[in-house]
Each structure stands twice: as C-alpha cells, then as structure tokens.
Amino acid sequence: MKNKNKFQENDKVTLKTTGETVTISKFSYVPNMKRYSYTIKENPQTFYFEEELGQLTT
C-alpha cells in the first residue's frame, strides 16, 4: 500500500516559518484531522503538519 504522506523518516526538509533544514524522525496519521503529523530529530518535543514543512531545494 502506498503512503499518501509527502515525507518519510530521515528525509531532510525545511521549516517554512524559519527556513531551517531539519530531519524527519517519525510521522503519523491523525485520523480526526485527516492529515499527517511529523516529529523532527532536532526538536523531538514539537510536531509539525505537512503544510508547515517544505521540500529541501538544492
């Protein structure tokens, strides 16, 4: 089964608010909100939704 989330574990992404590059440590689907939340290695106490993260551009 194909995942519908944008990012996988260990993907490098940017936080849209700060432009900081971070690494995804885990993700989970939140059924009542119908979207994915992500935890990052750099700040494991905080979670982010897909809308708050962007693809890392090179």
PDB file of N, CA and C in Angstrom:
ATOM      1  N   MET A   1       0.837  -1.189   0.000  1.00  0.00           N
ATOM      2  CA  MET A   1       0.000   0.000   0.000  1.00  0.00           C
ATOM      3  C   MET A   1       0.880   1.251   0.000  1.00  0.00           C
ATOM      4  N   LYS A   2       0.561   2.165  -0.869  1.00  0.00           N
ATOM      5  CA  LYS A   2       1.348   3.387  -0.999  1.00  0.00           C
ATOM      6  C   LYS A   2       0.937   4.404   0.058  1.00  0.00           C
ATOM      7  N   ASN A   3       1.943   5.007   0.691  1.00  0.00           N
ATOM      8  CA  ASN A   3       1.659   6.067   1.663  1.00  0.00           C
ATOM      9  C   ASN A   3       1.247   7.331   0.932  1.00  0.00           C
ATOM     10  N   LYS A   4       0.360   8.107   1.530  1.00  0.00           N
ATOM     11  CA  LYS A   4      -0.098   9.351   0.928  1.00  0.00           C
ATOM     12  C   LYS A   4       0.590  10.569   1.535  1.00  0.00           C
ATOM     13  N   ASN A   5       1.530  10.323   2.433  1.00  0.00           N
ATOM     14  CA  ASN A   5       2.228  11.452   3.035  1.00  0.00           C
ATOM     15  C   ASN A   5       3.378  11.908   2.138  1.00  0.00           C
ATOM     16  N   LYS A   6       3.777  13.156   2.285  1.00  0.00           N
ATOM     17  CA  LYS A   6       4.822  13.745   1.444  1.00  0.00           C
ATOM     18  C   LYS A   6       6.221  13.321   1.852  1.00  0.00           C
ATOM     19  N   PHE A   7       6.446  13.107   3.143  1.00  0.00           N
ATOM     20  CA  PHE A   7       7.799  12.897   3.651  1.00  0.00           C
ATOM     21  C   PHE A   7       7.923  11.566   4.374  1.00  0.00           C
ATOM     22  N   GLN A   8       9.122  11.004   4.361  1.00  0.00           N
ATOM     23  CA  GLN A   8       9.422   9.746   5.027  1.00  0.00           C
ATOM     24  C   GLN A   8      10.463  10.003   6.119  1.00  0.00           C
ATOM     25  N   GLU A   9      10.684   8.988   6.969  1.00  0.00           N
ATOM     26  CA  GLU A   9      11.697   9.102   8.017  1.00  0.00           C
ATOM     27  C   GLU A   9      13.060   9.368   7.381  1.00  0.00           C
ATOM     28  N   ASN A  10      13.842  10.185   8.034  1.00  0.00           N
ATOM     29  CA  ASN A  10      15.195  10.588   7.623  1.00  0.00           C
ATOM     30  C   ASN A  10      15.229  11.515   6.415  1.00  0.00           C
ATOM     31  N   ASP A  11      14.081  11.965   5.924  1.00  0.00           N
ATOM     32  CA  ASP A  11      14.064  12.971   4.857  1.00  0.00           C
ATOM     33  C   ASP A  11      14.483  14.312   5.439  1.00  0.00           C
ATOM     34  N   LYS A  12      15.280  15.062   4.668  1.00  0.00           N
ATOM     35  CA  LYS A  12      15.643  16.418   5.061  1.00  0.00           C
ATOM     36  C   LYS A  12      14.632  17.370   4.429  1.00  0.00           C
ATOM     37  N   VAL A  13      14.055  18.229   5.264  1.00  0.00           N
ATOM     38  CA  VAL A  13      13.044  19.187   4.815  1.00  0.00           C
ATOM     39  C   VAL A  13      13.342  20.551   5.427  1.00  0.00           C
ATOM     40  N   THR A  14      12.616  21.568   4.984  1.00  0.00           N
ATOM     41  CA  THR A  14      12.777  22.890   5.573  1.00  0.00           C
ATOM     42  C   THR A  14      11.508  23.283   6.311  1.00  0.00           C
ATOM     43  N   LEU A  15      11.684  23.982   7.418  1.00  0.00           N
ATOM     44  CA  LEU A  15      10.543  24.566   8.130  1.00  0.00           C
ATOM     45  C   LEU A  15      10.189  25.860   7.408  1.00  0.00           C
ATOM     46  N   LYS A  16       8.947  25.985   6.972  1.00  0.00           N
ATOM     47  CA  LYS A  16       8.549  27.162   6.199  1.00  0.00           C
ATOM     48  C   LYS A  16       8.659  28.446   7.000  1.00  0.00           C
ATOM     49  N   THR A  17       8.429  28.381   8.303  1.00  0.00           N
ATOM     50  CA  THR A  17       8.449  29.608   9.111  1.00  0.00           C
ATOM     51  C   THR A  17       9.855  30.166   9.309  1.00  0.00           C
ATOM     52  N   THR A  18      10.849  29.292   9.458  1.00  0.00           N
ATOM     53  CA  THR A  18      12.204  29.755   9.750  1.00  0.00           C
ATOM     54  C   THR A  18      13.197  29.526   8.624  1.00  0.00           C
ATOM     55  N   GLY A  19      12.880  28.621   7.697  1.00  0.00           N
ATOM     56  CA  GLY A  19      13.818  28.269   6.633  1.00  0.00           C
ATOM     57  C   GLY A  19      14.874  27.287   7.091  1.00  0.00           C
ATOM     58  N   GLU A  20      14.775  26.823   8.326  1.00  0.00           N
ATOM     59  CA  GLU A  20      15.745  25.896   8.908  1.00  0.00           C
ATOM     60  C   GLU A  20      15.618  24.514   8.262  1.00  0.00           C
ATOM     61  N   THR A  21      16.762  23.863   8.011  1.00  0.00           N
ATOM     62  CA  THR A  21      16.763  22.499   7.492  1.00  0.00           C
ATOM     63  C   THR A  21      16.710  21.527   8.661  1.00  0.00           C
ATOM     64  N   VAL A  22      15.763  20.592   8.613  1.00  0.00           N
ATOM     65  CA  VAL A  22      15.572  19.623   9.689  1.00  0.00           C
ATOM     66  C   VAL A  22      15.396  18.229   9.094  1.00  0.00           C
ATOM     67  N   THR A  23      15.454  17.209   9.957  1.00  0.00           N
ATOM     68  CA  THR A  23      15.325  15.814   9.539  1.00  0.00           C
ATOM     69  C   THR A  23      14.103  15.197  10.202  1.00  0.00           C
ATOM     70  N   ILE A  24      13.279  14.522   9.415  1.00  0.00           N
ATOM     71  CA  ILE A  24      12.083  13.852   9.940  1.00  0.00           C
ATOM     72  C   ILE A  24      12.510  12.626  10.744  1.00  0.00           C
ATOM     73  N   SER A  25      12.034  12.515  11.984  1.00  0.00           N
ATOM     74  CA  SER A  25      12.359  11.322  12.774  1.00  0.00           C
ATOM     75  C   SER A  25      11.224  10.318  12.748  1.00  0.00           C
ATOM     76  N   LYS A  26       9.976  10.793  12.715  1.00  0.00           N
ATOM     77  CA  LYS A  26       8.837   9.880  12.575  1.00  0.00           C
ATOM     78  C   LYS A  26       7.622  10.665  12.123  1.00  0.00           C
ATOM     79  N   PHE A  27       6.632   9.931  11.624  1.00  0.00           N
ATOM     80  CA  PHE A  27       5.396  10.563  11.200  1.00  0.00           C
ATOM     81  C   PHE A  27       4.230   9.679  11.588  1.00  0.00           C
ATOM     82  N   SER A  28       3.061  10.287  11.679  1.00  0.00           N
ATOM     83  CA  SER A  28       1.859   9.506  11.979  1.00  0.00           C
ATOM     84  C   SER A  28       0.649  10.212  11.376  1.00  0.00           C
ATOM     85  N   TYR A  29      -0.364   9.408  11.088  1.00  0.00           N
ATOM     86  CA  TYR A  29      -1.604   9.940  10.527  1.00  0.00           C
ATOM     87  C   TYR A  29      -2.552  10.285  11.660  1.00  0.00           C
ATOM     88  N   VAL A  30      -3.148  11.460  11.602  1.00  0.00           N
ATOM     89  CA  VAL A  30      -4.107  11.894  12.611  1.00  0.00           C
ATOM     90  C   VAL A  30      -5.499  11.772  11.976  1.00  0.00           C
ATOM     91  N   PRO A  31      -6.222  10.677  12.288  1.00  0.00           N
ATOM     92  CA  PRO A  31      -7.484  10.401  11.589  1.00  0.00           C
ATOM     93  C   PRO A  31      -8.548  11.486  11.727  1.00  0.00           C
ATOM     94  N   ASN A  32      -8.704  12.053  12.915  1.00  0.00           N
ATOM     95  CA  ASN A  32      -9.771  13.048  13.085  1.00  0.00           C
ATOM     96  C   ASN A  32      -9.467  14.361  12.367  1.00  0.00           C
ATOM     97  N   MET A  33      -8.201  14.623  12.067  1.00  0.00           N
ATOM     98  CA  MET A  33      -7.830  15.826  11.312  1.00  0.00           C
ATOM     99  C   MET A  33      -7.559  15.502   9.841  1.00  0.00           C
ATOM    100  N   LYS A  34      -7.478  14.227   9.528  1.00  0.00           N
ATOM    101  CA  LYS A  34      -7.243  13.743   8.165  1.00  0.00           C
ATOM    102  C   LYS A  34      -5.971  14.308   7.552  1.00  0.00           C
ATOM    103  N   ARG A  35      -4.890  14.300   8.347  1.00  0.00           N
ATOM    104  CA  ARG A  35      -3.584  14.727   7.838  1.00  0.00           C
ATOM    105  C   ARG A  35      -2.467  14.112   8.661  1.00  0.00           C
ATOM    106  N   TYR A  36      -1.256  14.236   8.158  1.00  0.00           N
ATOM    107  CA  TYR A  36      -0.086  13.647   8.799  1.00  0.00           C
ATOM    108  C   TYR A  36       0.611  14.661   9.691  1.00  0.00           C
ATOM    109  N   SER A  37       1.131  14.164  10.811  1.00  0.00           N
ATOM    110  CA  SER A  37       1.987  14.993  11.665  1.00  0.00           C
ATOM    111  C   SER A  37       3.387  14.394  11.646  1.00  0.00           C
ATOM    112  N   TYR A  38       4.377  15.254  11.807  1.00  0.00           N
ATOM    113  CA  TYR A  38       5.780  14.848  11.735  1.00  0.00           C
ATOM    114  C   TYR A  38       6.528  15.327  12.970  1.00  0.00           C
ATOM    115  N   THR A  39       7.436  14.499  13.458  1.00  0.00           N
ATOM    116  CA  THR A  39       8.349  14.873  14.532  1.00  0.00           C
ATOM    117  C   THR A  39       9.735  14.979  13.909  1.00  0.00           C
ATOM    118  N   ILE A  40      10.495  15.978  14.322  1.00  0.00           N
ATOM    119  CA  ILE A  40      11.834  16.162  13.763  1.00  0.00           C
ATOM    120  C   ILE A  40      12.900  15.812  14.795  1.00  0.00           C
ATOM    121  N   LYS A  41      14.052  15.381  14.298  1.00  0.00           N
ATOM    122  CA  LYS A  41      15.148  14.964  15.183  1.00  0.00           C
ATOM    123  C   LYS A  41      15.712  16.136  15.985  1.00  0.00           C
ATOM    124  N   GLU A  42      15.728  17.300  15.399  1.00  0.00           N
ATOM    125  CA  GLU A  42      16.330  18.460  16.053  1.00  0.00           C
ATOM    126  C   GLU A  42      15.507  18.976  17.229  1.00  0.00           C
ATOM    127  N   ASN A  43      14.206  18.712  17.231  1.00  0.00           N
ATOM    128  CA  ASN A  43      13.337  19.170  18.312  1.00  0.00           C
ATOM    129  C   ASN A  43      12.216  18.140  18.506  1.00  0.00           C
ATOM    130  N   PRO A  44      12.503  17.015  19.156  1.00  0.00           N
ATOM    131  CA  PRO A  44      11.534  15.916  19.242  1.00  0.00           C
ATOM    132  C   PRO A  44      10.281  16.202  20.071  1.00  0.00           C
ATOM    133  N   GLN A  45      10.261  17.284  20.827  1.00  0.00           N
ATOM    134  CA  GLN A  45       9.084  17.598  21.639  1.00  0.00           C
ATOM    135  C   GLN A  45       7.980  18.262  20.816  1.00  0.00           C
ATOM    136  N   THR A  46       8.319  18.750  19.636  1.00  0.00           N
ATOM    137  CA  THR A  46       7.376  19.501  18.812  1.00  0.00           C
ATOM    138  C   THR A  46       7.010  18.704  17.569  1.00  0.00           C
ATOM    139  N   PHE A  47       5.743  18.759  17.178  1.00  0.00           N
ATOM    140  CA  PHE A  47       5.339  18.120  15.928  1.00  0.00           C
ATOM    141  C   PHE A  47       4.879  19.184  14.946  1.00  0.00           C
ATOM    142  N   TYR A  48       4.940  18.837  13.677  1.00  0.00           N
ATOM    143  CA  TYR A  48       4.565  19.743  12.597  1.00  0.00           C
ATOM    144  C   TYR A  48       3.643  19.014  11.636  1.00  0.00           C
ATOM    145  N   PHE A  49       2.780  19.758  10.959  1.00  0.00           N
ATOM    146  CA  PHE A  49       1.942  19.198   9.910  1.00  0.00           C
ATOM    147  C   PHE A  49       2.613  19.429   8.561  1.00  0.00           C
ATOM    148  N   GLU A  50       2.167  18.677   7.545  1.00  0.00           N
ATOM    149  CA  GLU A  50       2.769  18.770   6.209  1.00  0.00           C
ATOM    150  C   GLU A  50       2.798  20.200   5.682  1.00  0.00           C
ATOM    151  N   GLU A  51       1.770  20.969   5.992  1.00  0.00           N
ATOM    152  CA  GLU A  51       1.685  22.340   5.482  1.00  0.00           C
ATOM    153  C   GLU A  51       2.798  23.237   6.021  1.00  0.00           C
ATOM    154  N   GLU A  52       3.397  22.838   7.150  1.00  0.00           N
ATOM    155  CA  GLU A  52       4.446  23.644   7.773  1.00  0.00           C
ATOM    156  C   GLU A  52       5.845  23.273   7.296  1.00  0.00           C
ATOM    157  N   LEU A  53       5.938  22.220   6.491  1.00  0.00           N
ATOM    158  CA  LEU A  53       7.223  21.724   6.009  1.00  0.00           C
ATOM    159  C   LEU A  53       7.300  21.859   4.494  1.00  0.00           C
ATOM    160  N   GLY A  54       8.508  22.043   3.984  1.00  0.00           N
ATOM    161  CA  GLY A  54       8.693  22.154   2.542  1.00  0.00           C
ATOM    162  C   GLY A  54       9.814  21.246   2.072  1.00  0.00           C
ATOM    163  N   GLN A  55       9.776  20.916   0.782  1.00  0.00           N
ATOM    164  CA  GLN A  55      10.834  20.107   0.187  1.00  0.00           C
ATOM    165  C   GLN A  55      12.148  20.880   0.264  1.00  0.00           C
ATOM    166  N   LEU A  56      13.210  20.160   0.495  1.00  0.00           N
ATOM    167  CA  LEU A  56      14.536  20.773   0.525  1.00  0.00           C
ATOM    168  C   LEU A  56      14.959  21.044  -0.911  1.00  0.00           C
ATOM    169  N   THR A  57      15.245  22.296  -1.216  1.00  0.00           N
ATOM    170  CA  THR A  57      15.674  22.643  -2.568  1.00  0.00           C
ATOM    171  C   THR A  57      17.189  22.721  -2.604  1.00  0.00           C
ATOM    172  N   THR A  58      17.750  22.271  -3.704  1.00  0.00           N
ATOM    173  CA  THR A  58      19.219  22.274  -3.817  1.00  0.00           C
ATOM    174  C   THR A  58      19.688  23.292  -4.809  1.00  0.00           C
TER     175      THR A  58
END
